[in-house]
Amino acid sequence: MRRLLAPSLAAALLLASGIGRADVPTLEDECRLRNAAVCELNGVEYRLDAPCPATARTLRPLGSERCRGAAQVGSEHLELPSTAAARTPPAATSP
């Protein structure tokens, strides 16, 4: 019985390990998305890292934010004040 369960358990663990990971964009990815031009062609909206082609309608022009600098600046760890306050225990008051 144990021989039958071991391979299926290993396969289930392999499949489940990928599910728990979130696909969180980096600061550089977010910057590229903010800079992307939004185009529309035949009712379909899409994003480009270049200007929209002449046949497409431009909904939002290409941005000019420097993404390499944003990735380097954002690499420092910044903690929000609300999370820092949540971790500190309240001060004990004496009666």
Protein backbone atom coordinates (compact mmCIF):
# COMPACT_ATOMS: atom_id res chain seq x y z
CA MET A 1 0.00 0.00 0.00
CA ARG A 2 2.82 2.38 0.89
CA ARG A 3 4.51 1.73 -2.47
CA LEU A 4 1.35 2.80 -4.27
CA LEU A 5 0.90 6.04 -2.33
CA ALA A 6 4.50 7.27 -2.44
CA PRO A 7 4.63 8.12 -6.19
CA SER A 8 1.21 9.76 -6.19
CA LEU A 9 2.06 11.75 -3.07
CA ALA A 10 5.31 12.93 -4.63
CA ALA A 11 3.48 13.96 -7.81
CA ALA A 12 0.84 15.82 -5.80
CA LEU A 13 3.51 17.70 -3.85
CA LEU A 14 5.30 18.66 -7.06
CA LEU A 15 2.10 20.02 -8.57
CA ALA A 16 1.06 21.87 -5.41
CA SER A 17 4.44 23.53 -4.89
CA GLY A 18 3.98 25.71 -7.98
CA ILE A 19 0.48 26.77 -7.02
CA GLY A 20 1.48 28.58 -3.82
CA ARG A 21 3.82 31.01 -5.55
CA ALA A 22 2.47 34.40 -6.55
CA ASP A 23 3.53 36.06 -9.76
CA VAL A 24 4.45 39.44 -8.31
CA PRO A 25 5.78 41.95 -10.85
CA THR A 26 9.07 43.64 -10.12
CA LEU A 27 9.38 47.43 -9.98
CA GLU A 28 10.89 47.36 -13.46
CA ASP A 29 7.93 45.32 -14.79
CA GLU A 30 5.45 47.77 -13.26
CA CYS A 31 7.34 50.69 -14.78
CA ARG A 32 7.28 49.09 -18.23
CA LEU A 33 3.52 48.53 -17.91
CA ARG A 34 3.00 52.19 -16.94
CA ASN A 35 5.08 53.30 -19.94
CA ALA A 36 3.45 50.98 -22.47
CA ALA A 37 1.33 52.53 -25.17
CA VAL A 38 -2.27 51.34 -25.21
CA CYS A 39 -3.54 50.78 -28.73
CA GLU A 40 -6.83 49.62 -30.22
CA LEU A 41 -7.26 47.78 -33.49
CA ASN A 42 -10.62 46.34 -34.60
CA GLY A 43 -12.04 46.74 -31.07
CA VAL A 44 -9.15 44.88 -29.38
CA GLU A 45 -7.00 46.80 -26.88
CA TYR A 46 -3.36 45.84 -26.46
CA ARG A 47 -0.15 47.25 -24.97
CA LEU A 48 3.12 47.88 -26.77
CA ASP A 49 6.58 48.93 -25.62
CA ALA A 50 6.72 51.04 -28.78
CA PRO A 51 4.43 53.64 -30.39
CA CYS A 52 1.16 52.32 -31.81
CA PRO A 53 1.23 51.38 -35.51
CA ALA A 54 -0.44 53.73 -38.00
CA THR A 55 -3.37 51.32 -38.50
CA ALA A 56 -4.24 51.30 -34.78
CA ARG A 57 -5.87 54.01 -32.68
CA THR A 58 -3.72 55.31 -29.79
CA LEU A 59 -5.63 55.27 -26.49
CA ARG A 60 -2.58 56.21 -24.39
CA PRO A 61 0.76 57.33 -25.85
CA LEU A 62 4.07 55.77 -24.95
CA GLY A 63 5.41 56.96 -21.58
CA SER A 64 8.89 58.30 -20.87
CA GLU A 65 9.64 57.10 -17.33
CA ARG A 66 13.14 55.64 -16.88
CA CYS A 67 12.57 52.05 -15.76
CA ARG A 68 16.17 51.05 -15.02
CA GLY A 69 16.46 53.83 -12.46
CA ALA A 70 13.14 52.82 -10.90
CA ALA A 71 14.36 49.26 -10.42
CA GLN A 72 17.57 50.41 -8.72
CA VAL A 73 15.82 52.93 -6.46
CA GLY A 74 13.14 50.42 -5.49
CA SER A 75 15.64 47.73 -4.53
CA GLU A 76 16.01 49.24 -1.06
CA HIS A 77 13.67 47.76 1.54
CA LEU A 78 11.07 50.27 2.63
CA GLU A 79 8.66 49.42 5.42
CA LEU A 80 5.27 51.01 5.63
CA PRO A 81 4.55 52.80 8.93
CA SER A 82 1.33 50.82 9.48
CA THR A 83 3.16 47.47 9.41
CA ALA A 84 5.89 48.73 11.73
CA ALA A 85 3.29 49.92 14.25
CA ALA A 86 1.43 46.62 14.07
CA ARG A 87 4.51 44.66 15.10
CA THR A 88 5.41 46.72 18.16
CA PRO A 89 3.53 45.63 21.28
CA PRO A 90 1.51 48.27 23.09
CA ALA A 91 3.21 49.91 26.04
CA ALA A 92 2.10 48.61 29.42
CA THR A 93 0.41 51.20 31.58
CA SER A 94 0.74 51.04 35.33
CA PRO A 95 -2.40 51.63 37.43
